Amino acid sequence: MMKHHLFLFILLSLLVAVAVADLQAHQVQQHSQMRMISRSLLQQPMPADCPSSCSVRCSHNWKNEMCNKMCNACCHRCGCVPPGTGQDTRHLCPCYDTLTNPHTGKLKCP
């Protein structure tokens, strides 16, 4: 009788372990799918007219040529340029907003 109870306990424990593992695998799969969806939404920038967008962005910069050069490089890489001339709109183009110089760690895009 005792062996029968032990066998049932082990069998029930295995079933619970399998159910928990299956649930965790399902949650990991859902999380992965959500990350792929959000990543695909964030990383598809609209193609921009880089020269004219950068011309507007750098119009008030005191180093106009350097600003245009860096802005165009960032625009071609990111596919977008934040509107306006100020820093308050940088977040509208996340790629542009987060590019940094690997040597100095400073923001690369004007």
PDB file of N, CA and C in Angstrom:
ATOM      1  N   MET A   1       0.816  -1.188   0.000  1.00  0.00           N
ATOM      2  CA  MET A   1       0.000   0.000   0.000  1.00  0.00           C
ATOM      3  C   MET A   1       0.865   1.260   0.000  1.00  0.00           C
ATOM      4  N   MET A   2       1.947   1.245   0.788  1.00  0.00           N
ATOM      5  CA  MET A   2       2.836   2.382   0.875  1.00  0.00           C
ATOM      6  C   MET A   2       3.534   2.634  -0.460  1.00  0.00           C
ATOM      7  N   LYS A   3       3.913   1.569  -1.172  1.00  0.00           N
ATOM      8  CA  LYS A   3       4.558   1.706  -2.474  1.00  0.00           C
ATOM      9  C   LYS A   3       3.596   2.339  -3.483  1.00  0.00           C
ATOM     10  N   HIS A   4       2.335   1.982  -3.378  1.00  0.00           N
ATOM     11  CA  HIS A   4       1.326   2.527  -4.272  1.00  0.00           C
ATOM     12  C   HIS A   4       1.195   4.049  -4.073  1.00  0.00           C
ATOM     13  N   HIS A   5       1.176   4.501  -2.823  1.00  0.00           N
ATOM     14  CA  HIS A   5       1.093   5.932  -2.535  1.00  0.00           C
ATOM     15  C   HIS A   5       2.352   6.661  -3.008  1.00  0.00           C
ATOM     16  N   LEU A   6       3.499   6.064  -2.816  1.00  0.00           N
ATOM     17  CA  LEU A   6       4.759   6.663  -3.256  1.00  0.00           C
ATOM     18  C   LEU A   6       4.786   6.793  -4.779  1.00  0.00           C
ATOM     19  N   PHE A   7       4.341   5.751  -5.461  1.00  0.00           N
ATOM     20  CA  PHE A   7       4.274   5.767  -6.920  1.00  0.00           C
ATOM     21  C   PHE A   7       3.342   6.881  -7.396  1.00  0.00           C
ATOM     22  N   LEU A   8       2.169   7.016  -6.803  1.00  0.00           N
ATOM     23  CA  LEU A   8       1.219   8.063  -7.180  1.00  0.00           C
ATOM     24  C   LEU A   8       1.792   9.460  -6.909  1.00  0.00           C
ATOM     25  N   PHE A   9       2.489   9.612  -5.784  1.00  0.00           N
ATOM     26  CA  PHE A   9       3.100  10.894  -5.446  1.00  0.00           C
ATOM     27  C   PHE A   9       4.154  11.282  -6.491  1.00  0.00           C
ATOM     28  N   ILE A  10       4.998  10.349  -6.871  1.00  0.00           N
ATOM     29  CA  ILE A  10       6.036  10.618  -7.862  1.00  0.00           C
ATOM     30  C   ILE A  10       5.410  10.939  -9.221  1.00  0.00           C
ATOM     31  N   LEU A  11       4.395  10.180  -9.590  1.00  0.00           N
ATOM     32  CA  LEU A  11       3.702  10.405 -10.863  1.00  0.00           C
ATOM     33  C   LEU A  11       3.046  11.790 -10.884  1.00  0.00           C
ATOM     34  N   LEU A  12       2.386  12.164  -9.805  1.00  0.00           N
ATOM     35  CA  LEU A  12       1.747  13.476  -9.709  1.00  0.00           C
ATOM     36  C   LEU A  12       2.804  14.595  -9.744  1.00  0.00           C
ATOM     37  N   SER A  13       3.925  14.398  -9.090  1.00  0.00           N
ATOM     38  CA  SER A  13       5.000  15.394  -9.091  1.00  0.00           C
ATOM     39  C   SER A  13       5.551  15.601 -10.501  1.00  0.00           C
ATOM     40  N   LEU A  14       5.709  14.516 -11.230  1.00  0.00           N
ATOM     41  CA  LEU A  14       6.188  14.621 -12.607  1.00  0.00           C
ATOM     42  C   LEU A  14       5.197  15.365 -13.491  1.00  0.00           C
ATOM     43  N   LEU A  15       3.914  15.094 -13.312  1.00  0.00           N
ATOM     44  CA  LEU A  15       2.895  15.783 -14.095  1.00  0.00           C
ATOM     45  C   LEU A  15       2.895  17.289 -13.811  1.00  0.00           C
ATOM     46  N   VAL A  16       3.044  17.654 -12.558  1.00  0.00           N
ATOM     47  CA  VAL A  16       3.096  19.077 -12.192  1.00  0.00           C
ATOM     48  C   VAL A  16       4.349  19.718 -12.800  1.00  0.00           C
ATOM     49  N   ALA A  17       5.477  19.042 -12.735  1.00  0.00           N
ATOM     50  CA  ALA A  17       6.723  19.570 -13.289  1.00  0.00           C
ATOM     51  C   ALA A  17       6.605  19.787 -14.796  1.00  0.00           C
ATOM     52  N   VAL A  18       5.991  18.849 -15.500  1.00  0.00           N
ATOM     53  CA  VAL A  18       5.801  18.978 -16.948  1.00  0.00           C
ATOM     54  C   VAL A  18       4.872  20.148 -17.257  1.00  0.00           C
ATOM     55  N   ALA A  19       3.795  20.291 -16.484  1.00  0.00           N
ATOM     56  CA  ALA A  19       2.855  21.385 -16.710  1.00  0.00           C
ATOM     57  C   ALA A  19       3.521  22.740 -16.483  1.00  0.00           C
ATOM     58  N   VAL A  20       4.333  22.855 -15.441  1.00  0.00           N
ATOM     59  CA  VAL A  20       5.031  24.113 -15.154  1.00  0.00           C
ATOM     60  C   VAL A  20       6.032  24.421 -16.268  1.00  0.00           C
ATOM     61  N   ALA A  21       6.773  23.430 -16.716  1.00  0.00           N
ATOM     62  CA  ALA A  21       7.753  23.634 -17.784  1.00  0.00           C
ATOM     63  C   ALA A  21       7.054  24.064 -19.076  1.00  0.00           C
ATOM     64  N   ASP A  22       5.920  23.479 -19.374  1.00  0.00           N
ATOM     65  CA  ASP A  22       5.161  23.828 -20.568  1.00  0.00           C
ATOM     66  C   ASP A  22       4.653  25.271 -20.468  1.00  0.00           C
ATOM     67  N   LEU A  23       4.172  25.659 -19.310  1.00  0.00           N
ATOM     68  CA  LEU A  23       3.689  27.019 -19.103  1.00  0.00           C
ATOM     69  C   LEU A  23       4.823  28.026 -19.262  1.00  0.00           C
ATOM     70  N   GLN A  24       5.992  27.717 -18.704  1.00  0.00           N
ATOM     71  CA  GLN A  24       7.134  28.618 -18.835  1.00  0.00           C
ATOM     72  C   GLN A  24       7.570  28.741 -20.290  1.00  0.00           C
ATOM     73  N   ALA A  25       7.580  27.643 -21.016  1.00  0.00           N
ATOM     74  CA  ALA A  25       7.963  27.681 -22.429  1.00  0.00           C
ATOM     75  C   ALA A  25       6.979  28.541 -23.218  1.00  0.00           C
ATOM     76  N   HIS A  26       5.711  28.425 -22.902  1.00  0.00           N
ATOM     77  CA  HIS A  26       4.685  29.216 -23.586  1.00  0.00           C
ATOM     78  C   HIS A  26       4.870  30.702 -23.292  1.00  0.00           C
ATOM     79  N   GLN A  27       5.183  31.052 -22.034  1.00  0.00           N
ATOM     80  CA  GLN A  27       5.395  32.450 -21.667  1.00  0.00           C
ATOM     81  C   GLN A  27       6.633  33.020 -22.349  1.00  0.00           C
ATOM     82  N   VAL A  28       7.684  32.241 -22.432  1.00  0.00           N
ATOM     83  CA  VAL A  28       8.904  32.684 -23.108  1.00  0.00           C
ATOM     84  C   VAL A  28       8.621  32.926 -24.588  1.00  0.00           C
ATOM     85  N   GLN A  29       7.856  32.046 -25.199  1.00  0.00           N
ATOM     86  CA  GLN A  29       7.514  32.196 -26.614  1.00  0.00           C
ATOM     87  C   GLN A  29       6.683  33.462 -26.829  1.00  0.00           C
ATOM     88  N   GLN A  30       5.708  33.722 -25.961  1.00  0.00           N
ATOM     89  CA  GLN A  30       4.891  34.928 -26.086  1.00  0.00           C
ATOM     90  C   GLN A  30       5.753  36.177 -25.921  1.00  0.00           C
ATOM     91  N   HIS A  31       6.647  36.164 -24.948  1.00  0.00           N
ATOM     92  CA  HIS A  31       7.521  37.315 -24.718  1.00  0.00           C
ATOM     93  C   HIS A  31       8.409  37.564 -25.938  1.00  0.00           C
ATOM     94  N   SER A  32       8.926  36.506 -26.518  1.00  0.00           N
ATOM     95  CA  SER A  32       9.781  36.624 -27.699  1.00  0.00           C
ATOM     96  C   SER A  32       9.002  37.206 -28.871  1.00  0.00           C
ATOM     97  N   GLN A  33       7.770  36.741 -29.059  1.00  0.00           N
ATOM     98  CA  GLN A  33       6.942  37.255 -30.152  1.00  0.00           C
ATOM     99  C   GLN A  33       6.625  38.733 -29.947  1.00  0.00           C
ATOM    100  N   MET A  34       6.334  39.132 -28.716  1.00  0.00           N
ATOM    101  CA  MET A  34       6.035  40.534 -28.440  1.00  0.00           C
ATOM    102  C   MET A  34       7.257  41.412 -28.696  1.00  0.00           C
ATOM    103  N   ARG A  35       8.446  40.935 -28.333  1.00  0.00           N
ATOM    104  CA  ARG A  35       9.664  41.711 -28.582  1.00  0.00           C
ATOM    105  C   ARG A  35       9.906  41.862 -30.076  1.00  0.00           C
ATOM    106  N   MET A  36       9.648  40.800 -30.846  1.00  0.00           N
ATOM    107  CA  MET A  36       9.849  40.880 -32.286  1.00  0.00           C
ATOM    108  C   MET A  36       8.873  41.869 -32.908  1.00  0.00           C
ATOM    109  N   ILE A  37       7.625  41.854 -32.441  1.00  0.00           N
ATOM    110  CA  ILE A  37       6.626  42.770 -32.977  1.00  0.00           C
ATOM    111  C   ILE A  37       7.014  44.212 -32.663  1.00  0.00           C
ATOM    112  N   SER A  38       7.360  44.490 -31.416  1.00  0.00           N
ATOM    113  CA  SER A  38       7.714  45.862 -31.051  1.00  0.00           C
ATOM    114  C   SER A  38       9.002  46.291 -31.743  1.00  0.00           C
ATOM    115  N   ARG A  39       9.958  45.379 -31.877  1.00  0.00           N
ATOM    116  CA  ARG A  39      11.212  45.713 -32.554  1.00  0.00           C
ATOM    117  C   ARG A  39      10.948  46.032 -34.017  1.00  0.00           C
ATOM    118  N   SER A  40      10.080  45.261 -34.684  1.00  0.00           N
ATOM    119  CA  SER A  40       9.819  45.515 -36.092  1.00  0.00           C
ATOM    120  C   SER A  40       9.079  46.828 -36.268  1.00  0.00           C
ATOM    121  N   LEU A  41       8.254  47.224 -35.294  1.00  0.00           N
ATOM    122  CA  LEU A  41       7.565  48.499 -35.380  1.00  0.00           C
ATOM    123  C   LEU A  41       8.521  49.665 -35.162  1.00  0.00           C
ATOM    124  N   LEU A  42       9.505  49.496 -34.294  1.00  0.00           N
ATOM    125  CA  LEU A  42      10.422  50.581 -33.982  1.00  0.00           C
ATOM    126  C   LEU A  42      11.537  50.729 -35.002  1.00  0.00           C
ATOM    127  N   GLN A  43      11.923  49.662 -35.652  1.00  0.00           N
ATOM    128  CA  GLN A  43      13.101  49.716 -36.502  1.00  0.00           C
ATOM    129  C   GLN A  43      12.787  49.813 -37.985  1.00  0.00           C
ATOM    130  N   GLN A  44      11.627  50.361 -38.312  1.00  0.00           N
ATOM    131  CA  GLN A  44      11.316  50.566 -39.714  1.00  0.00           C
ATOM    132  C   GLN A  44      11.086  52.054 -39.945  1.00  0.00           C
ATOM    133  N   PRO A  45      12.173  52.845 -39.929  1.00  0.00           N
ATOM    134  CA  PRO A  45      11.992  54.276 -40.090  1.00  0.00           C
ATOM    135  C   PRO A  45      11.493  54.624 -41.482  1.00  0.00           C
ATOM    136  N   MET A  46      10.718  55.670 -41.534  1.00  0.00           N
ATOM    137  CA  MET A  46      10.243  56.162 -42.823  1.00  0.00           C
ATOM    138  C   MET A  46      11.432  56.782 -43.553  1.00  0.00           C
ATOM    139  N   PRO A  47      11.553  56.531 -44.844  1.00  0.00           N
ATOM    140  CA  PRO A  47      12.645  57.153 -45.579  1.00  0.00           C
ATOM    141  C   PRO A  47      12.475  58.673 -45.556  1.00  0.00           C
ATOM    142  N   ALA A  48      13.557  59.360 -45.292  1.00  0.00           N
ATOM    143  CA  ALA A  48      13.504  60.816 -45.192  1.00  0.00           C
ATOM    144  C   ALA A  48      14.289  61.449 -46.332  1.00  0.00           C
ATOM    145  N   ASP A  49      13.930  62.666 -46.649  1.00  0.00           N
ATOM    146  CA  ASP A  49      14.707  63.466 -47.580  1.00  0.00           C
ATOM    147  C   ASP A  49      15.811  64.101 -46.746  1.00  0.00           C
ATOM    148  N   CYS A  50      16.911  63.366 -46.601  1.00  0.00           N
ATOM    149  CA  CYS A  50      17.966  63.761 -45.669  1.00  0.00           C
ATOM    150  C   CYS A  50      18.524  65.166 -45.908  1.00  0.00           C
ATOM    151  N   PRO A  51      18.898  65.517 -47.136  1.00  0.00           N
ATOM    152  CA  PRO A  51      19.489  66.848 -47.318  1.00  0.00           C
ATOM    153  C   PRO A  51      18.566  67.995 -46.886  1.00  0.00           C
ATOM    154  N   SER A  52      17.289  67.926 -47.264  1.00  0.00           N
ATOM    155  CA  SER A  52      16.409  69.037 -46.896  1.00  0.00           C
ATOM    156  C   SER A  52      16.048  68.996 -45.411  1.00  0.00           C
ATOM    157  N   SER A  53      15.857  67.792 -44.853  1.00  0.00           N
ATOM    158  CA  SER A  53      15.551  67.691 -43.422  1.00  0.00           C
ATOM    159  C   SER A  53      16.710  68.205 -42.585  1.00  0.00           C
ATOM    160  N   CYS A  54      17.934  67.853 -42.982  1.00  0.00           N
ATOM    161  CA  CYS A  54      19.108  68.294 -42.236  1.00  0.00           C
ATOM    162  C   CYS A  54      19.370  69.782 -42.434  1.00  0.00           C
ATOM    163  N   SER A  55      19.023  70.286 -43.595  1.00  0.00           N
ATOM    164  CA  SER A  55      19.182  71.718 -43.837  1.00  0.00           C
ATOM    165  C   SER A  55      18.314  72.516 -42.869  1.00  0.00           C
ATOM    166  N   VAL A  56      17.084  72.042 -42.648  1.00  0.00           N
ATOM    167  CA  VAL A  56      16.188  72.696 -41.694  1.00  0.00           C
ATOM    168  C   VAL A  56      16.713  72.530 -40.278  1.00  0.00           C
ATOM    169  N   ARG A  57      17.116  71.301 -39.940  1.00  0.00           N
ATOM    170  CA  ARG A  57      17.575  71.018 -38.575  1.00  0.00           C
ATOM    171  C   ARG A  57      18.816  71.848 -38.210  1.00  0.00           C
ATOM    172  N   CYS A  58      19.692  72.051 -39.172  1.00  0.00           N
ATOM    173  CA  CYS A  58      20.951  72.743 -38.896  1.00  0.00           C
ATOM    174  C   CYS A  58      20.916  74.233 -39.237  1.00  0.00           C
ATOM    175  N   SER A  59      19.751  74.748 -39.586  1.00  0.00           N
ATOM    176  CA  SER A  59      19.666  76.135 -40.050  1.00  0.00           C
ATOM    177  C   SER A  59      20.110  77.155 -39.009  1.00  0.00           C
ATOM    178  N   HIS A  60      19.961  76.870 -37.729  1.00  0.00           N
ATOM    179  CA  HIS A  60      20.355  77.816 -36.683  1.00  0.00           C
ATOM    180  C   HIS A  60      21.673  77.432 -36.006  1.00  0.00           C
ATOM    181  N   ASN A  61      22.335  76.386 -36.503  1.00  0.00           N
ATOM    182  CA  ASN A  61      23.578  75.937 -35.878  1.00  0.00           C
ATOM    183  C   ASN A  61      24.737  76.812 -36.325  1.00  0.00           C
ATOM    184  N   TRP A  62      25.607  77.154 -35.393  1.00  0.00           N
ATOM    185  CA  TRP A  62      26.722  78.034 -35.729  1.00  0.00           C
ATOM    186  C   TRP A  62      27.806  77.323 -36.521  1.00  0.00           C
ATOM    187  N   LYS A  63      27.816  75.979 -36.497  1.00  0.00           N
ATOM    188  CA  LYS A  63      28.730  75.195 -37.346  1.00  0.00           C
ATOM    189  C   LYS A  63      27.891  74.470 -38.383  1.00  0.00           C
ATOM    190  N   ASN A  64      27.334  75.227 -39.296  1.00  0.00           N
ATOM    191  CA  ASN A  64      26.348  74.726 -40.241  1.00  0.00           C
ATOM    192  C   ASN A  64      26.856  73.564 -41.085  1.00  0.00           C
ATOM    193  N   GLU A  65      28.073  73.678 -41.631  1.00  0.00           N
ATOM    194  CA  GLU A  65      28.597  72.613 -42.495  1.00  0.00           C
ATOM    195  C   GLU A  65      28.805  71.312 -41.723  1.00  0.00           C
ATOM    196  N   MET A  66      29.399  71.395 -40.541  1.00  0.00           N
ATOM    197  CA  MET A  66      29.629  70.199 -39.722  1.00  0.00           C
ATOM    198  C   MET A  66      28.296  69.597 -39.290  1.00  0.00           C
ATOM    199  N   CYS A  67      27.367  70.444 -38.911  1.00  0.00           N
ATOM    200  CA  CYS A  67      26.046  69.975 -38.496  1.00  0.00           C
ATOM    201  C   CYS A  67      25.378  69.204 -39.636  1.00  0.00           C
ATOM    202  N   ASN A  68      25.404  69.775 -40.843  1.00  0.00           N
ATOM    203  CA  ASN A  68      24.798  69.105 -41.998  1.00  0.00           C
ATOM    204  C   ASN A  68      25.474  67.784 -42.311  1.00  0.00           C
ATOM    205  N   LYS A  69      26.795  67.756 -42.212  1.00  0.00           N
ATOM    206  CA  LYS A  69      27.544  66.518 -42.490  1.00  0.00           C
ATOM    207  C   LYS A  69      27.134  65.409 -41.519  1.00  0.00           C
ATOM    208  N   MET A  70      27.115  65.725 -40.235  1.00  0.00           N
ATOM    209  CA  MET A  70      26.770  64.719 -39.228  1.00  0.00           C
ATOM    210  C   MET A  70      25.289  64.350 -39.303  1.00  0.00           C
ATOM    211  N   CYS A  71      24.449  65.335 -39.516  1.00  0.00           N
ATOM    212  CA  CYS A  71      23.015  65.083 -39.603  1.00  0.00           C
ATOM    213  C   CYS A  71      22.705  64.148 -40.772  1.00  0.00           C
ATOM    214  N   ASN A  72      23.318  64.401 -41.922  1.00  0.00           N
ATOM    215  CA  ASN A  72      23.080  63.538 -43.085  1.00  0.00           C
ATOM    216  C   ASN A  72      23.570  62.119 -42.842  1.00  0.00           C
ATOM    217  N   ALA A  73      24.712  61.976 -42.174  1.00  0.00           N
ATOM    218  CA  ALA A  73      25.217  60.636 -41.853  1.00  0.00           C
ATOM    219  C   ALA A  73      24.218  59.902 -40.949  1.00  0.00           C
ATOM    220  N   CYS A  74      23.717  60.605 -39.943  1.00  0.00           N
ATOM    221  CA  CYS A  74      22.740  59.996 -39.021  1.00  0.00           C
ATOM    222  C   CYS A  74      21.434  59.687 -39.743  1.00  0.00           C
ATOM    223  N   CYS A  75      21.013  60.593 -40.601  1.00  0.00           N
ATOM    224  CA  CYS A  75      19.764  60.408 -41.342  1.00  0.00           C
ATOM    225  C   CYS A  75      19.837  59.185 -42.253  1.00  0.00           C
ATOM    226  N   HIS A  76      20.941  59.034 -42.950  1.00  0.00           N
ATOM    227  CA  HIS A  76      21.084  57.876 -43.844  1.00  0.00           C
ATOM    228  C   HIS A  76      21.109  56.572 -43.054  1.00  0.00           C
ATOM    229  N   ARG A  77      21.649  56.617 -41.863  1.00  0.00           N
ATOM    230  CA  ARG A  77      21.694  55.411 -41.031  1.00  0.00           C
ATOM    231  C   ARG A  77      20.343  55.112 -40.401  1.00  0.00           C
ATOM    232  N   CYS A  78      19.649  56.148 -39.935  1.00  0.00           N
ATOM    233  CA  CYS A  78      18.407  55.957 -39.185  1.00  0.00           C
ATOM    234  C   CYS A  78      17.150  56.063 -40.040  1.00  0.00           C
ATOM    235  N   GLY A  79      17.233  56.806 -41.135  1.00  0.00           N
ATOM    236  CA  GLY A  79      16.064  56.981 -41.984  1.00  0.00           C
ATOM    237  C   GLY A  79      15.132  58.077 -41.513  1.00  0.00           C
ATOM    238  N   CYS A  80      15.570  58.851 -40.530  1.00  0.00           N
ATOM    239  CA  CYS A  80      14.719  59.944 -40.051  1.00  0.00           C
ATOM    240  C   CYS A  80      15.575  61.020 -39.411  1.00  0.00           C
ATOM    241  N   VAL A  81      14.985  62.211 -39.329  1.00  0.00           N
ATOM    242  CA  VAL A  81      15.597  63.355 -38.662  1.00  0.00           C
ATOM    243  C   VAL A  81      14.502  63.984 -37.822  1.00  0.00           C
ATOM    244  N   PRO A  82      14.786  64.291 -36.552  1.00  0.00           N
ATOM    245  CA  PRO A  82      13.760  64.945 -35.741  1.00  0.00           C
ATOM    246  C   PRO A  82      13.388  66.306 -36.329  1.00  0.00           C
ATOM    247  N   PRO A  83      12.125  66.683 -36.249  1.00  0.00           N
ATOM    248  CA  PRO A  83      11.717  67.980 -36.796  1.00  0.00           C
ATOM    249  C   PRO A  83      12.264  69.134 -35.947  1.00  0.00           C
ATOM    250  N   GLY A  84      12.351  70.282 -36.561  1.00  0.00           N
ATOM    251  CA  GLY A  84      12.767  71.471 -35.828  1.00  0.00           C
ATOM    252  C   GLY A  84      14.263  71.549 -35.625  1.00  0.00           C
ATOM    253  N   THR A  85      14.666  72.531 -34.820  1.00  0.00           N
ATOM    254  CA  THR A  85      16.095  72.765 -34.598  1.00  0.00           C
ATOM    255  C   THR A  85      16.522  72.478 -33.170  1.00  0.00           C
ATOM    256  N   GLY A  86      15.591  72.227 -32.279  1.00  0.00           N
ATOM    257  CA  GLY A  86      15.918  72.059 -30.866  1.00  0.00           C
ATOM    258  C   GLY A  86      16.113  70.614 -30.442  1.00  0.00           C
ATOM    259  N   GLN A  87      16.560  70.475 -29.193  1.00  0.00           N
ATOM    260  CA  GLN A  87      16.800  69.155 -28.614  1.00  0.00           C
ATOM    261  C   GLN A  87      15.516  68.498 -28.112  1.00  0.00           C
ATOM    262  N   ASP A  88      14.462  69.265 -27.982  1.00  0.00           N
ATOM    263  CA  ASP A  88      13.213  68.753 -27.407  1.00  0.00           C
ATOM    264  C   ASP A  88      12.464  67.782 -28.313  1.00  0.00           C
ATOM    265  N   THR A  89      12.862  67.653 -29.574  1.00  0.00           N
ATOM    266  CA  THR A  89      12.171  66.734 -30.487  1.00  0.00           C
ATOM    267  C   THR A  89      13.002  65.503 -30.832  1.00  0.00           C
ATOM    268  N   ARG A  90      14.182  65.368 -30.250  1.00  0.00           N
ATOM    269  CA  ARG A  90      15.073  64.238 -30.577  1.00  0.00           C
ATOM    270  C   ARG A  90      14.394  62.891 -30.379  1.00  0.00           C
ATOM    271  N   HIS A  91      13.556  62.775 -29.358  1.00  0.00           N
ATOM    272  CA  HIS A  91      12.912  61.501 -29.032  1.00  0.00           C
ATOM    273  C   HIS A  91      11.990  61.006 -30.150  1.00  0.00           C
ATOM    274  N   LEU A  92      11.622  61.854 -31.087  1.00  0.00           N
ATOM    275  CA  LEU A  92      10.734  61.449 -32.180  1.00  0.00           C
ATOM    276  C   LEU A  92      11.442  60.568 -33.211  1.00  0.00           C
ATOM    277  N   CYS A  93      12.753  60.532 -33.160  1.00  0.00           N
ATOM    278  CA  CYS A  93      13.550  59.641 -34.017  1.00  0.00           C
ATOM    279  C   CYS A  93      14.518  58.908 -33.086  1.00  0.00           C
ATOM    280  N   PRO A  94      14.076  57.780 -32.477  1.00  0.00           N
ATOM    281  CA  PRO A  94      14.877  57.110 -31.443  1.00  0.00           C
ATOM    282  C   PRO A  94      16.288  56.726 -31.882  1.00  0.00           C
ATOM    283  N   CYS A  95      16.439  56.270 -33.105  1.00  0.00           N
ATOM    284  CA  CYS A  95      17.767  55.887 -33.586  1.00  0.00           C
ATOM    285  C   CYS A  95      18.681  57.107 -33.602  1.00  0.00           C
ATOM    286  N   TYR A  96      18.205  58.183 -34.158  1.00  0.00           N
ATOM    287  CA  TYR A  96      18.952  59.447 -34.239  1.00  0.00           C
ATOM    288  C   TYR A  96      19.305  59.938 -32.841  1.00  0.00           C
ATOM    289  N   ASP A  97      18.369  59.778 -31.933  1.00  0.00           N
ATOM    290  CA  ASP A  97      18.522  60.272 -30.562  1.00  0.00           C
ATOM    291  C   ASP A  97      19.570  59.506 -29.762  1.00  0.00           C
ATOM    292  N   THR A  98      19.812  58.241 -30.111  1.00  0.00           N
ATOM    293  CA  THR A  98      20.685  57.407 -29.282  1.00  0.00           C
ATOM    294  C   THR A  98      22.045  57.084 -29.899  1.00  0.00           C
ATOM    295  N   LEU A  99      22.299  57.491 -31.131  1.00  0.00           N
ATOM    296  CA  LEU A  99      23.611  57.220 -31.733  1.00  0.00           C
ATOM    297  C   LEU A  99      24.690  58.005 -30.988  1.00  0.00           C
ATOM    298  N   THR A 100      25.746  57.316 -30.583  1.00  0.00           N
ATOM    299  CA  THR A 100      26.839  57.972 -29.864  1.00  0.00           C
ATOM    300  C   THR A 100      28.173  57.714 -30.541  1.00  0.00           C
ATOM    301  N   ASN A 101      29.110  58.598 -30.283  1.00  0.00           N
ATOM    302  CA  ASN A 101      30.466  58.439 -30.759  1.00  0.00           C
ATOM    303  C   ASN A 101      31.122  57.350 -29.905  1.00  0.00           C
ATOM    304  N   PRO A 102      31.643  56.269 -30.517  1.00  0.00           N
ATOM    305  CA  PRO A 102      32.215  55.180 -29.725  1.00  0.00           C
ATOM    306  C   PRO A 102      33.458  55.585 -28.929  1.00  0.00           C
ATOM    307  N   HIS A 103      34.132  56.631 -29.357  1.00  0.00           N
ATOM    308  CA  HIS A 103      35.350  57.057 -28.662  1.00  0.00           C
ATOM    309  C   HIS A 103      35.063  57.954 -27.462  1.00  0.00           C
ATOM    310  N   THR A 104      34.088  58.848 -27.621  1.00  0.00           N
ATOM    311  CA  THR A 104      33.823  59.820 -26.553  1.00  0.00           C
ATOM    312  C   THR A 104      32.552  59.511 -25.763  1.00  0.00           C
ATOM    313  N   GLY A 105      31.655  58.744 -26.374  1.00  0.00           N
ATOM    314  CA  GLY A 105      30.390  58.453 -25.714  1.00  0.00           C
ATOM    315  C   GLY A 105      29.371  59.576 -25.840  1.00  0.00           C
ATOM    316  N   LYS A 106      29.743  60.652 -26.535  1.00  0.00           N
ATOM    317  CA  LYS A 106      28.835  61.783 -26.725  1.00  0.00           C
ATOM    318  C   LYS A 106      27.879  61.496 -27.870  1.00  0.00           C
ATOM    319  N   LEU A 107      26.737  62.187 -27.863  1.00  0.00           N
ATOM    320  CA  LEU A 107      25.771  62.016 -28.941  1.00  0.00           C
ATOM    321  C   LEU A 107      26.403  62.387 -30.278  1.00  0.00           C
ATOM    322  N   LYS A 108      26.140  61.575 -31.284  1.00  0.00           N
ATOM    323  CA  LYS A 108      26.743  61.778 -32.590  1.00  0.00           C
ATOM    324  C   LYS A 108      25.924  62.738 -33.453  1.00  0.00           C
ATOM    325  N   CYS A 109      24.622  62.691 -33.306  1.00  0.00           N
ATOM    326  CA  CYS A 109      23.741  63.440 -34.206  1.00  0.00           C
ATOM    327  C   CYS A 109      23.361  64.795 -33.618  1.00  0.00           C
ATOM    328  N   PRO A 110      23.431  65.851 -34.444  1.00  0.00           N
ATOM    329  CA  PRO A 110      23.091  67.198 -33.952  1.00  0.00           C
ATOM    330  C   PRO A 110      21.589  67.399 -33.765  1.00  0.00           C
TER     331      PRO A 110
END
